[in-house]
Amino acid sequence: MIVSVSGACSRSGKTAAAVALLQALPRDSAVAVKFTTTEDTFVRCPRGTPCVVCDIDVPFRLIEDPAVLRETGTDTDRLAAAGARRVVWAIAKASAAPAAWDAVRERLDGGPVVIEGSTVVGLALPDLHLFVAHPFLLPERWKPTTPALVASADLVVVNCPAGERRQPSPSVLAALARHRKGREVRIADVARPLAEWAPEILGRLSPVLA
């Protein structure tokens, strides 16, 4: 079973949702994949500093070195700490994303897989797809892939951390509702256990939990 977590932007809560999924599965049962896509032609790093993603000088790279993946505070470290049996980080230029996914797929062994990434959804064709939205990032700043991802997701969640007192932006909710065409848009803290904010997803994981 492949479960994907996508989002409209960085820091939307994709990693937190992936962690919740991994924690809901038996420990050491799933492979976690972080799939990062960057521009074919480097313009500028969105974080404003040099990094392993923007400095890529090949079509794609797969990182499996624990010394890199377990660096404290990184997304890959969080995935490993959540109980992933193995973590693979794919970094690909947009044009090389299909080849990168093929390389990742060759490393999978048929067990459960939790993928964090947006571009990869159309390549991996997951059994379950969760979309996580930032509560305040205006739709004009969403990735171009967002409308299709929102429309195809099994569940769309606006991630509101427990300590956040503000309600999600009306423009965010309106845009999500438009793309969902009447299907539910849920507001929840995806850092909480999966059973609390997506019990139906937990139910669909039952073949893996058995």
N, C-alpha and C. Protein backbone atom coordinates (compact mmCIF):
# COMPACT_ATOMS: atom_id res chain seq x y z
N MET A 1 0.84 -1.20 0.00
CA MET A 1 0.00 0.00 0.00
C MET A 1 0.88 1.24 0.00
N ILE A 2 0.54 2.19 -0.86
CA ILE A 2 1.24 3.47 -0.93
C ILE A 2 0.30 4.57 -0.46
N VAL A 3 0.76 5.37 0.48
CA VAL A 3 0.01 6.51 0.99
C VAL A 3 0.84 7.76 0.73
N SER A 4 0.25 8.75 0.08
CA SER A 4 0.95 10.00 -0.23
C SER A 4 0.37 11.15 0.56
N VAL A 5 1.26 12.07 0.95
CA VAL A 5 0.85 13.32 1.59
C VAL A 5 1.39 14.45 0.73
N SER A 6 0.49 15.27 0.20
CA SER A 6 0.90 16.41 -0.62
C SER A 6 0.43 17.70 0.04
N GLY A 7 0.83 18.83 -0.54
CA GLY A 7 0.44 20.12 0.03
C GLY A 7 0.65 21.24 -0.97
N ALA A 8 0.16 22.41 -0.59
CA ALA A 8 0.23 23.57 -1.49
C ALA A 8 1.54 24.32 -1.36
N CYS A 9 2.31 24.05 -0.29
CA CYS A 9 3.50 24.85 -0.03
C CYS A 9 4.35 24.15 1.01
N SER A 10 5.55 24.67 1.22
CA SER A 10 6.38 24.22 2.34
C SER A 10 5.74 24.69 3.64
N ARG A 11 6.00 23.92 4.69
CA ARG A 11 5.52 24.25 6.03
C ARG A 11 3.99 24.20 6.16
N SER A 12 3.36 23.45 5.29
CA SER A 12 1.91 23.31 5.41
C SER A 12 1.53 22.26 6.44
N GLY A 13 2.46 21.36 6.74
CA GLY A 13 2.17 20.28 7.68
C GLY A 13 2.30 18.91 7.04
N LYS A 14 2.89 18.84 5.86
CA LYS A 14 3.03 17.55 5.17
C LYS A 14 3.83 16.55 6.01
N THR A 15 4.95 17.00 6.55
CA THR A 15 5.78 16.08 7.33
C THR A 15 5.05 15.64 8.58
N ALA A 16 4.36 16.55 9.25
CA ALA A 16 3.60 16.18 10.45
C ALA A 16 2.55 15.13 10.13
N ALA A 17 1.87 15.28 9.00
CA ALA A 17 0.87 14.30 8.61
C ALA A 17 1.52 12.95 8.29
N ALA A 18 2.66 12.99 7.61
CA ALA A 18 3.37 11.75 7.30
C ALA A 18 3.83 11.06 8.58
N VAL A 19 4.27 11.84 9.55
CA VAL A 19 4.67 11.29 10.85
C VAL A 19 3.48 10.60 11.51
N ALA A 20 2.32 11.25 11.48
CA ALA A 20 1.12 10.66 12.08
C ALA A 20 0.76 9.33 11.41
N LEU A 21 0.91 9.28 10.09
CA LEU A 21 0.65 8.03 9.37
C LEU A 21 1.62 6.94 9.79
N LEU A 22 2.90 7.27 9.85
CA LEU A 22 3.91 6.29 10.24
C LEU A 22 3.68 5.79 11.66
N GLN A 23 3.30 6.69 12.54
CA GLN A 23 3.07 6.31 13.93
C GLN A 23 1.84 5.43 14.08
N ALA A 24 0.92 5.51 13.12
CA ALA A 24 -0.28 4.67 13.16
C ALA A 24 0.00 3.26 12.66
N LEU A 25 1.09 3.08 11.94
CA LEU A 25 1.47 1.78 11.41
C LEU A 25 2.39 1.06 12.39
N PRO A 26 2.48 -0.26 12.31
CA PRO A 26 3.44 -0.97 13.16
C PRO A 26 4.85 -0.43 12.94
N ARG A 27 5.59 -0.25 14.01
CA ARG A 27 6.93 0.30 13.90
C ARG A 27 7.80 -0.59 13.01
N ASP A 28 8.63 0.03 12.21
CA ASP A 28 9.56 -0.66 11.30
C ASP A 28 8.84 -1.44 10.20
N SER A 29 7.61 -1.06 9.89
CA SER A 29 6.88 -1.77 8.83
C SER A 29 6.89 -1.01 7.51
N ALA A 30 7.04 0.31 7.55
CA ALA A 30 6.87 1.12 6.34
C ALA A 30 8.18 1.78 5.91
N VAL A 31 8.31 1.96 4.62
CA VAL A 31 9.38 2.78 4.06
C VAL A 31 8.82 4.19 3.90
N ALA A 32 9.58 5.18 4.34
CA ALA A 32 9.19 6.59 4.17
C ALA A 32 10.00 7.19 3.04
N VAL A 33 9.32 7.90 2.15
CA VAL A 33 9.97 8.56 1.02
C VAL A 33 9.67 10.04 1.08
N LYS A 34 10.71 10.85 1.12
CA LYS A 34 10.55 12.29 0.95
C LYS A 34 10.96 12.60 -0.48
N PHE A 35 10.02 13.14 -1.26
CA PHE A 35 10.27 13.38 -2.68
C PHE A 35 10.24 14.88 -2.91
N THR A 36 11.41 15.45 -3.16
CA THR A 36 11.56 16.90 -3.33
C THR A 36 11.85 17.22 -4.79
N THR A 37 11.07 18.12 -5.35
CA THR A 37 11.26 18.52 -6.74
C THR A 37 11.70 19.97 -6.79
N THR A 38 12.71 20.25 -7.60
CA THR A 38 13.22 21.60 -7.73
C THR A 38 13.17 22.04 -9.19
N GLU A 39 13.43 23.32 -9.43
CA GLU A 39 13.37 23.86 -10.79
C GLU A 39 14.46 23.27 -11.66
N ASP A 40 14.15 23.12 -12.95
CA ASP A 40 15.17 22.65 -13.88
C ASP A 40 16.32 23.65 -13.99
N THR A 41 15.97 24.93 -13.99
CA THR A 41 16.97 25.99 -14.04
C THR A 41 16.92 26.74 -12.72
N PHE A 42 18.02 26.71 -11.98
CA PHE A 42 18.05 27.34 -10.67
C PHE A 42 17.87 28.85 -10.78
N VAL A 43 16.94 29.39 -10.01
CA VAL A 43 16.73 30.83 -9.94
C VAL A 43 17.16 31.34 -8.58
N ARG A 44 16.51 30.86 -7.56
CA ARG A 44 16.90 31.24 -6.20
C ARG A 44 16.31 30.22 -5.24
N CYS A 45 16.97 30.04 -4.13
CA CYS A 45 16.46 29.14 -3.10
C CYS A 45 15.32 29.83 -2.36
N PRO A 46 14.15 29.19 -2.22
CA PRO A 46 13.05 29.82 -1.50
C PRO A 46 13.37 30.09 -0.05
N ARG A 47 14.35 29.36 0.49
CA ARG A 47 14.74 29.57 1.88
C ARG A 47 15.81 30.65 2.02
N GLY A 48 16.36 31.09 0.88
CA GLY A 48 17.30 32.20 0.90
C GLY A 48 18.73 31.82 1.22
N THR A 49 19.02 30.52 1.34
CA THR A 49 20.38 30.09 1.66
C THR A 49 20.75 28.88 0.80
N PRO A 50 22.04 28.62 0.62
CA PRO A 50 22.45 27.43 -0.12
C PRO A 50 21.94 26.16 0.57
N CYS A 51 21.56 25.16 -0.21
CA CYS A 51 21.06 23.93 0.40
C CYS A 51 21.27 22.77 -0.56
N VAL A 52 21.13 21.55 -0.04
CA VAL A 52 21.37 20.35 -0.82
C VAL A 52 20.38 20.21 -1.96
N VAL A 53 19.19 20.82 -1.83
CA VAL A 53 18.18 20.73 -2.88
C VAL A 53 18.54 21.64 -4.05
N CYS A 54 18.72 22.92 -3.77
CA CYS A 54 18.97 23.88 -4.84
C CYS A 54 20.34 23.71 -5.47
N ASP A 55 21.27 23.11 -4.75
CA ASP A 55 22.62 22.93 -5.28
C ASP A 55 22.78 21.64 -6.10
N ILE A 56 21.69 20.94 -6.37
CA ILE A 56 21.78 19.69 -7.11
C ILE A 56 22.34 19.95 -8.51
N ASP A 57 23.34 19.15 -8.91
CA ASP A 57 23.99 19.35 -10.20
C ASP A 57 23.82 18.15 -11.13
N VAL A 58 22.87 17.28 -10.78
CA VAL A 58 22.53 16.11 -11.60
C VAL A 58 21.01 16.09 -11.76
N PRO A 59 20.47 15.31 -12.70
CA PRO A 59 19.01 15.30 -12.87
C PRO A 59 18.25 14.93 -11.60
N PHE A 60 18.77 13.93 -10.89
CA PHE A 60 18.16 13.58 -9.60
C PHE A 60 19.18 12.87 -8.73
N ARG A 61 18.87 12.83 -7.46
CA ARG A 61 19.75 12.19 -6.49
C ARG A 61 18.89 11.48 -5.45
N LEU A 62 19.29 10.28 -5.07
CA LEU A 62 18.64 9.57 -3.98
C LEU A 62 19.59 9.54 -2.80
N ILE A 63 19.10 9.98 -1.66
CA ILE A 63 19.92 10.02 -0.45
C ILE A 63 19.42 8.95 0.51
N GLU A 64 20.32 8.04 0.87
CA GLU A 64 19.99 6.97 1.81
C GLU A 64 21.01 6.88 2.94
N ASP A 65 21.94 7.81 2.98
CA ASP A 65 22.99 7.83 3.99
C ASP A 65 22.39 8.27 5.33
N PRO A 66 22.42 7.40 6.35
CA PRO A 66 21.86 7.77 7.65
C PRO A 66 22.47 9.04 8.24
N ALA A 67 23.73 9.31 7.93
CA ALA A 67 24.38 10.50 8.47
C ALA A 67 23.69 11.77 7.98
N VAL A 68 23.13 11.72 6.77
CA VAL A 68 22.40 12.86 6.23
C VAL A 68 20.95 12.82 6.68
N LEU A 69 20.34 11.65 6.56
CA LEU A 69 18.91 11.53 6.86
C LEU A 69 18.59 11.75 8.33
N ARG A 70 19.52 11.40 9.22
CA ARG A 70 19.25 11.53 10.65
C ARG A 70 19.80 12.81 11.25
N GLU A 71 20.10 13.79 10.40
CA GLU A 71 20.54 15.08 10.91
C GLU A 71 19.42 15.69 11.74
N THR A 72 19.74 16.09 12.95
CA THR A 72 18.73 16.54 13.91
C THR A 72 17.89 17.68 13.36
N GLY A 73 16.59 17.55 13.52
CA GLY A 73 15.67 18.62 13.14
C GLY A 73 15.20 18.58 11.70
N THR A 74 15.71 17.65 10.90
CA THR A 74 15.31 17.58 9.50
C THR A 74 14.02 16.77 9.34
N ASP A 75 13.36 16.97 8.21
CA ASP A 75 12.15 16.21 7.94
C ASP A 75 12.44 14.72 7.89
N THR A 76 13.55 14.35 7.28
CA THR A 76 13.88 12.93 7.16
C THR A 76 14.15 12.31 8.53
N ASP A 77 14.74 13.07 9.43
CA ASP A 77 14.96 12.57 10.79
C ASP A 77 13.62 12.34 11.49
N ARG A 78 12.68 13.24 11.28
CA ARG A 78 11.36 13.08 11.88
C ARG A 78 10.66 11.83 11.35
N LEU A 79 10.81 11.57 10.06
CA LEU A 79 10.20 10.38 9.48
C LEU A 79 10.82 9.11 10.06
N ALA A 80 12.13 9.12 10.21
CA ALA A 80 12.81 7.95 10.79
C ALA A 80 12.40 7.75 12.24
N ALA A 81 12.36 8.84 13.00
CA ALA A 81 12.00 8.75 14.41
C ALA A 81 10.56 8.29 14.61
N ALA A 82 9.71 8.52 13.60
CA ALA A 82 8.30 8.14 13.70
C ALA A 82 8.08 6.64 13.51
N GLY A 83 9.14 5.93 13.15
CA GLY A 83 9.01 4.48 13.05
C GLY A 83 9.21 3.90 11.67
N ALA A 84 9.68 4.70 10.71
CA ALA A 84 9.93 4.16 9.38
C ALA A 84 11.05 3.11 9.43
N ARG A 85 10.84 2.03 8.73
CA ARG A 85 11.87 0.99 8.64
C ARG A 85 13.08 1.50 7.88
N ARG A 86 12.82 2.33 6.89
CA ARG A 86 13.87 2.90 6.05
C ARG A 86 13.37 4.22 5.50
N VAL A 87 14.28 5.16 5.28
CA VAL A 87 13.92 6.46 4.70
C VAL A 87 14.73 6.66 3.43
N VAL A 88 14.05 7.10 2.38
CA VAL A 88 14.71 7.44 1.12
C VAL A 88 14.33 8.88 0.79
N TRP A 89 15.32 9.70 0.51
CA TRP A 89 15.06 11.09 0.12
C TRP A 89 15.45 11.26 -1.34
N ALA A 90 14.45 11.52 -2.16
CA ALA A 90 14.69 11.77 -3.58
C ALA A 90 14.65 13.27 -3.84
N ILE A 91 15.69 13.78 -4.49
CA ILE A 91 15.75 15.19 -4.90
C ILE A 91 15.87 15.19 -6.42
N ALA A 92 14.91 15.80 -7.09
CA ALA A 92 14.89 15.72 -8.55
C ALA A 92 14.57 17.06 -9.17
N LYS A 93 15.23 17.34 -10.28
CA LYS A 93 14.78 18.45 -11.12
C LYS A 93 13.44 18.04 -11.72
N ALA A 94 12.60 19.03 -12.01
CA ALA A 94 11.24 18.73 -12.43
C ALA A 94 11.19 17.78 -13.63
N SER A 95 12.06 17.99 -14.59
CA SER A 95 12.05 17.16 -15.79
C SER A 95 12.50 15.73 -15.51
N ALA A 96 13.21 15.53 -14.40
CA ALA A 96 13.73 14.20 -14.06
C ALA A 96 12.89 13.49 -13.02
N ALA A 97 11.77 14.08 -12.62
CA ALA A 97 10.95 13.47 -11.58
C ALA A 97 10.49 12.05 -11.94
N PRO A 98 10.05 11.79 -13.17
CA PRO A 98 9.66 10.40 -13.49
C PRO A 98 10.80 9.41 -13.33
N ALA A 99 11.99 9.78 -13.77
CA ALA A 99 13.14 8.88 -13.62
C ALA A 99 13.48 8.69 -12.15
N ALA A 100 13.36 9.75 -11.37
CA ALA A 100 13.65 9.65 -9.94
C ALA A 100 12.67 8.70 -9.27
N TRP A 101 11.39 8.81 -9.64
CA TRP A 101 10.40 7.91 -9.03
C TRP A 101 10.68 6.47 -9.44
N ASP A 102 11.06 6.23 -10.69
CA ASP A 102 11.40 4.87 -11.11
C ASP A 102 12.53 4.31 -10.25
N ALA A 103 13.52 5.15 -9.96
CA ALA A 103 14.65 4.70 -9.14
C ALA A 103 14.21 4.41 -7.71
N VAL A 104 13.31 5.23 -7.18
CA VAL A 104 12.78 4.98 -5.84
C VAL A 104 12.00 3.67 -5.83
N ARG A 105 11.14 3.49 -6.82
CA ARG A 105 10.27 2.31 -6.87
C ARG A 105 11.09 1.02 -6.90
N GLU A 106 12.25 1.06 -7.54
CA GLU A 106 13.11 -0.13 -7.57
C GLU A 106 13.63 -0.50 -6.19
N ARG A 107 13.61 0.46 -5.27
CA ARG A 107 14.11 0.21 -3.92
C ARG A 107 13.01 -0.22 -2.96
N LEU A 108 11.78 -0.27 -3.43
CA LEU A 108 10.66 -0.67 -2.58
C LEU A 108 10.47 -2.19 -2.67
N ASP A 109 9.98 -2.76 -1.58
CA ASP A 109 9.91 -4.23 -1.51
C ASP A 109 8.49 -4.76 -1.38
N GLY A 110 7.50 -3.92 -1.66
CA GLY A 110 6.12 -4.39 -1.59
C GLY A 110 5.43 -4.11 -0.28
N GLY A 111 6.15 -3.66 0.73
CA GLY A 111 5.54 -3.30 2.00
C GLY A 111 4.91 -1.93 1.94
N PRO A 112 4.32 -1.47 3.04
CA PRO A 112 3.69 -0.14 3.06
C PRO A 112 4.71 0.97 2.83
N VAL A 113 4.25 2.02 2.14
CA VAL A 113 5.10 3.16 1.82
C VAL A 113 4.34 4.44 2.14
N VAL A 114 4.99 5.35 2.84
CA VAL A 114 4.43 6.67 3.11
C VAL A 114 5.31 7.68 2.38
N ILE A 115 4.69 8.45 1.47
CA ILE A 115 5.43 9.40 0.65
C ILE A 115 5.03 10.81 1.01
N GLU A 116 6.01 11.67 1.22
CA GLU A 116 5.76 13.10 1.39
C GLU A 116 6.24 13.81 0.13
N GLY A 117 5.33 14.49 -0.54
CA GLY A 117 5.69 15.21 -1.76
C GLY A 117 4.47 15.40 -2.63
N SER A 118 4.51 16.41 -3.48
CA SER A 118 3.36 16.75 -4.31
C SER A 118 3.51 16.27 -5.76
N THR A 119 4.63 16.58 -6.39
CA THR A 119 4.84 16.18 -7.78
C THR A 119 4.74 14.67 -7.95
N VAL A 120 5.17 13.94 -6.94
CA VAL A 120 5.25 12.48 -7.04
C VAL A 120 3.88 11.81 -7.05
N VAL A 121 2.83 12.51 -6.64
CA VAL A 121 1.51 11.88 -6.55
C VAL A 121 1.07 11.31 -7.90
N GLY A 122 1.25 12.09 -8.95
CA GLY A 122 0.85 11.64 -10.28
C GLY A 122 1.72 10.53 -10.83
N LEU A 123 2.88 10.31 -10.23
CA LEU A 123 3.79 9.25 -10.66
C LEU A 123 3.57 7.98 -9.86
N ALA A 124 3.39 8.13 -8.55
CA ALA A 124 3.26 6.98 -7.67
C ALA A 124 1.87 6.36 -7.71
N LEU A 125 0.86 7.17 -8.08
CA LEU A 125 -0.54 6.69 -8.10
C LEU A 125 -0.88 5.97 -6.80
N PRO A 126 -0.86 6.69 -5.68
CA PRO A 126 -1.02 6.06 -4.37
C PRO A 126 -2.40 5.45 -4.16
N ASP A 127 -2.46 4.51 -3.23
CA ASP A 127 -3.74 3.92 -2.83
C ASP A 127 -4.55 4.91 -1.99
N LEU A 128 -3.85 5.75 -1.24
CA LEU A 128 -4.48 6.80 -0.44
C LEU A 128 -3.70 8.08 -0.63
N HIS A 129 -4.42 9.19 -0.71
CA HIS A 129 -3.78 10.49 -0.93
C HIS A 129 -4.39 11.52 0.00
N LEU A 130 -3.54 12.10 0.87
CA LEU A 130 -3.96 13.16 1.77
C LEU A 130 -3.34 14.47 1.32
N PHE A 131 -4.14 15.52 1.31
CA PHE A 131 -3.64 16.85 0.97
C PHE A 131 -3.74 17.72 2.22
N VAL A 132 -2.62 18.41 2.55
CA VAL A 132 -2.57 19.27 3.73
C VAL A 132 -2.39 20.72 3.29
N ALA A 133 -3.27 21.59 3.77
CA ALA A 133 -3.23 23.01 3.39
C ALA A 133 -2.82 23.87 4.57
N HIS A 134 -2.02 24.89 4.28
CA HIS A 134 -1.67 25.90 5.28
C HIS A 134 -2.90 26.78 5.51
N PRO A 135 -3.21 27.11 6.76
CA PRO A 135 -4.46 27.84 7.02
C PRO A 135 -4.46 29.29 6.56
N PHE A 136 -3.29 29.86 6.30
CA PHE A 136 -3.24 31.30 6.02
C PHE A 136 -2.55 31.67 4.71
N LEU A 137 -1.89 30.72 4.05
CA LEU A 137 -1.20 31.05 2.80
C LEU A 137 -2.24 31.28 1.70
N LEU A 138 -2.23 32.46 1.12
CA LEU A 138 -3.24 32.82 0.13
C LEU A 138 -3.16 31.91 -1.10
N PRO A 139 -4.29 31.56 -1.67
CA PRO A 139 -4.30 30.67 -2.84
C PRO A 139 -3.44 31.15 -4.00
N GLU A 140 -3.26 32.46 -4.13
CA GLU A 140 -2.42 32.97 -5.22
C GLU A 140 -0.98 32.48 -5.11
N ARG A 141 -0.58 32.04 -3.94
CA ARG A 141 0.80 31.59 -3.72
C ARG A 141 0.91 30.06 -3.72
N TRP A 142 -0.17 29.37 -3.99
CA TRP A 142 -0.12 27.92 -4.04
C TRP A 142 0.67 27.44 -5.26
N LYS A 143 1.20 26.23 -5.16
CA LYS A 143 1.88 25.61 -6.29
C LYS A 143 0.87 25.38 -7.42
N PRO A 144 1.32 25.44 -8.67
CA PRO A 144 0.40 25.23 -9.80
C PRO A 144 -0.30 23.87 -9.78
N THR A 145 0.32 22.90 -9.12
CA THR A 145 -0.26 21.55 -9.07
C THR A 145 -1.41 21.43 -8.07
N THR A 146 -1.62 22.46 -7.26
CA THR A 146 -2.55 22.35 -6.14
C THR A 146 -3.99 22.01 -6.54
N PRO A 147 -4.61 22.70 -7.50
CA PRO A 147 -6.02 22.38 -7.80
C PRO A 147 -6.26 20.91 -8.11
N ALA A 148 -5.40 20.31 -8.92
CA ALA A 148 -5.58 18.90 -9.28
C ALA A 148 -5.38 18.00 -8.07
N LEU A 149 -4.42 18.34 -7.21
CA LEU A 149 -4.17 17.53 -6.02
C LEU A 149 -5.34 17.60 -5.05
N VAL A 150 -5.87 18.80 -4.86
CA VAL A 150 -7.03 18.96 -3.97
C VAL A 150 -8.22 18.17 -4.50
N ALA A 151 -8.42 18.22 -5.80
CA ALA A 151 -9.56 17.53 -6.40
C ALA A 151 -9.45 16.01 -6.28
N SER A 152 -8.23 15.49 -6.34
CA SER A 152 -8.04 14.03 -6.36
C SER A 152 -7.85 13.42 -4.99
N ALA A 153 -7.60 14.23 -3.97
CA ALA A 153 -7.25 13.70 -2.65
C ALA A 153 -8.41 12.95 -2.01
N ASP A 154 -8.07 11.90 -1.28
CA ASP A 154 -9.08 11.19 -0.49
C ASP A 154 -9.51 12.02 0.71
N LEU A 155 -8.62 12.86 1.19
CA LEU A 155 -8.93 13.74 2.32
C LEU A 155 -8.13 15.02 2.19
N VAL A 156 -8.78 16.15 2.39
CA VAL A 156 -8.12 17.45 2.43
C VAL A 156 -8.25 18.00 3.84
N VAL A 157 -7.12 18.38 4.43
CA VAL A 157 -7.10 18.88 5.80
C VAL A 157 -6.42 20.24 5.83
N VAL A 158 -7.08 21.21 6.43
CA VAL A 158 -6.44 22.50 6.72
C VAL A 158 -5.78 22.33 8.07
N ASN A 159 -4.46 22.42 8.09
CA ASN A 159 -3.71 22.14 9.31
C ASN A 159 -3.70 23.34 10.25
N CYS A 160 -4.40 23.21 11.35
CA CYS A 160 -4.44 24.26 12.38
C CYS A 160 -3.87 23.70 13.67
N PRO A 161 -2.63 24.05 14.01
CA PRO A 161 -2.04 23.55 15.25
C PRO A 161 -2.90 23.89 16.46
N ALA A 162 -2.80 23.07 17.49
CA ALA A 162 -3.66 23.21 18.66
C ALA A 162 -3.57 24.59 19.30
N GLY A 163 -2.40 25.22 19.25
CA GLY A 163 -2.24 26.52 19.89
C GLY A 163 -2.67 27.70 19.05
N GLU A 164 -3.11 27.45 17.82
CA GLU A 164 -3.51 28.53 16.92
C GLU A 164 -4.93 28.99 17.24
N ARG A 165 -5.06 30.25 17.62
CA ARG A 165 -6.37 30.78 18.00
C ARG A 165 -7.16 31.33 16.81
N ARG A 166 -6.47 31.66 15.73
CA ARG A 166 -7.15 32.23 14.57
C ARG A 166 -7.83 31.14 13.75
N GLN A 167 -8.91 31.53 13.10
CA GLN A 167 -9.58 30.64 12.17
C GLN A 167 -8.86 30.68 10.82
N PRO A 168 -8.92 29.61 10.03
CA PRO A 168 -8.28 29.63 8.71
C PRO A 168 -8.82 30.77 7.85
N SER A 169 -7.99 31.23 6.95
CA SER A 169 -8.39 32.32 6.05
C SER A 169 -9.61 31.92 5.23
N PRO A 170 -10.62 32.79 5.16
CA PRO A 170 -11.80 32.49 4.33
C PRO A 170 -11.44 32.23 2.87
N SER A 171 -10.40 32.91 2.36
CA SER A 171 -10.02 32.69 0.96
C SER A 171 -9.44 31.30 0.76
N VAL A 172 -8.73 30.79 1.76
CA VAL A 172 -8.20 29.43 1.69
C VAL A 172 -9.34 28.42 1.66
N LEU A 173 -10.28 28.59 2.58
CA LEU A 173 -11.41 27.66 2.65
C LEU A 173 -12.25 27.71 1.38
N ALA A 174 -12.45 28.91 0.85
CA ALA A 174 -13.27 29.06 -0.35
C ALA A 174 -12.61 28.39 -1.55
N ALA A 175 -11.30 28.57 -1.68
CA ALA A 175 -10.59 27.96 -2.81
C ALA A 175 -10.60 26.44 -2.71
N LEU A 176 -10.38 25.93 -1.52
CA LEU A 176 -10.41 24.48 -1.33
C LEU A 176 -11.79 23.92 -1.64
N ALA A 177 -12.83 24.60 -1.15
CA ALA A 177 -14.20 24.15 -1.40
C ALA A 177 -14.52 24.14 -2.89
N ARG A 178 -14.01 25.13 -3.59
CA ARG A 178 -14.25 25.21 -5.04
C ARG A 178 -13.63 24.01 -5.76
N HIS A 179 -12.42 23.67 -5.38
CA HIS A 179 -11.74 22.55 -6.04
C HIS A 179 -12.29 21.20 -5.59
N ARG A 180 -12.86 21.15 -4.38
CA ARG A 180 -13.41 19.89 -3.87
C ARG A 180 -14.80 19.60 -4.41
N LYS A 181 -15.47 20.61 -4.92
CA LYS A 181 -16.80 20.44 -5.53
C LYS A 181 -17.79 19.76 -4.57
N GLY A 182 -17.85 20.30 -3.35
CA GLY A 182 -18.83 19.82 -2.39
C GLY A 182 -18.34 18.76 -1.43
N ARG A 183 -17.18 18.18 -1.69
CA ARG A 183 -16.65 17.19 -0.76
C ARG A 183 -15.99 17.88 0.43
N GLU A 184 -15.87 17.17 1.52
CA GLU A 184 -15.45 17.75 2.79
C GLU A 184 -14.04 18.34 2.73
N VAL A 185 -13.89 19.47 3.41
CA VAL A 185 -12.59 20.04 3.74
C VAL A 185 -12.53 20.08 5.26
N ARG A 186 -11.59 19.36 5.83
CA ARG A 186 -11.52 19.20 7.28
C ARG A 186 -10.51 20.17 7.88
N ILE A 187 -10.80 20.67 9.07
CA ILE A 187 -9.87 21.52 9.82
C ILE A 187 -9.40 20.72 11.02
N ALA A 188 -8.09 20.53 11.15
CA ALA A 188 -7.57 19.70 12.23
C ALA A 188 -6.09 19.96 12.42
N ASP A 189 -5.58 19.48 13.55
CA ASP A 189 -4.16 19.54 13.84
C ASP A 189 -3.55 18.21 13.42
N VAL A 190 -2.82 18.21 12.31
CA VAL A 190 -2.31 16.94 11.78
C VAL A 190 -1.14 16.39 12.58
N ALA A 191 -0.67 17.14 13.56
CA ALA A 191 0.37 16.63 14.44
C ALA A 191 -0.20 15.69 15.51
N ARG A 192 -1.50 15.68 15.65
CA ARG A 192 -2.16 14.80 16.60
C ARG A 192 -2.20 13.37 16.02
N PRO A 193 -2.48 12.37 16.85
CA PRO A 193 -2.59 11.00 16.33
C PRO A 193 -3.61 10.89 15.21
N LEU A 194 -3.32 10.05 14.24
CA LEU A 194 -4.17 9.92 13.06
C LEU A 194 -5.62 9.59 13.43
N ALA A 195 -5.82 8.79 14.44
CA ALA A 195 -7.17 8.39 14.84
C ALA A 195 -8.03 9.58 15.23
N GLU A 196 -7.40 10.67 15.66
CA GLU A 196 -8.15 11.84 16.11
C GLU A 196 -8.64 12.70 14.95
N TRP A 197 -7.88 12.78 13.87
CA TRP A 197 -8.25 13.70 12.79
C TRP A 197 -8.57 13.02 11.46
N ALA A 198 -8.28 11.73 11.36
CA ALA A 198 -8.62 11.02 10.12
C ALA A 198 -8.93 9.55 10.42
N PRO A 199 -9.95 9.30 11.23
CA PRO A 199 -10.25 7.90 11.59
C PRO A 199 -10.60 7.04 10.39
N GLU A 200 -11.20 7.63 9.35
CA GLU A 200 -11.55 6.84 8.18
C GLU A 200 -10.30 6.41 7.41
N ILE A 201 -9.26 7.25 7.45
CA ILE A 201 -7.99 6.87 6.82
C ILE A 201 -7.35 5.74 7.61
N LEU A 202 -7.41 5.84 8.92
CA LEU A 202 -6.88 4.76 9.76
C LEU A 202 -7.60 3.45 9.44
N GLY A 203 -8.91 3.54 9.22
CA GLY A 203 -9.67 2.35 8.87
C GLY A 203 -9.22 1.74 7.56
N ARG A 204 -8.87 2.57 6.61
CA ARG A 204 -8.44 2.07 5.30
C ARG A 204 -7.02 1.49 5.34
N LEU A 205 -6.32 1.77 6.44
CA LEU A 205 -5.00 1.18 6.63
C LEU A 205 -5.09 -0.21 7.27
N SER A 206 -6.29 -0.67 7.54
CA SER A 206 -6.48 -1.92 8.27
C SER A 206 -5.77 -3.12 7.65
N PRO A 207 -5.68 -3.23 6.31
CA PRO A 207 -4.94 -4.38 5.77
C PRO A 207 -3.47 -4.40 6.20
N VAL A 208 -2.91 -3.21 6.42
CA VAL A 208 -1.52 -3.13 6.85
C VAL A 208 -1.41 -3.37 8.35
N LEU A 209 -2.44 -2.97 9.09
CA LEU A 209 -2.42 -3.10 10.54
C LEU A 209 -2.69 -4.52 11.00
N ALA A 210 -3.32 -5.32 10.14
CA ALA A 210 -3.71 -6.68 10.52
C ALA A 210 -2.48 -7.56 10.79
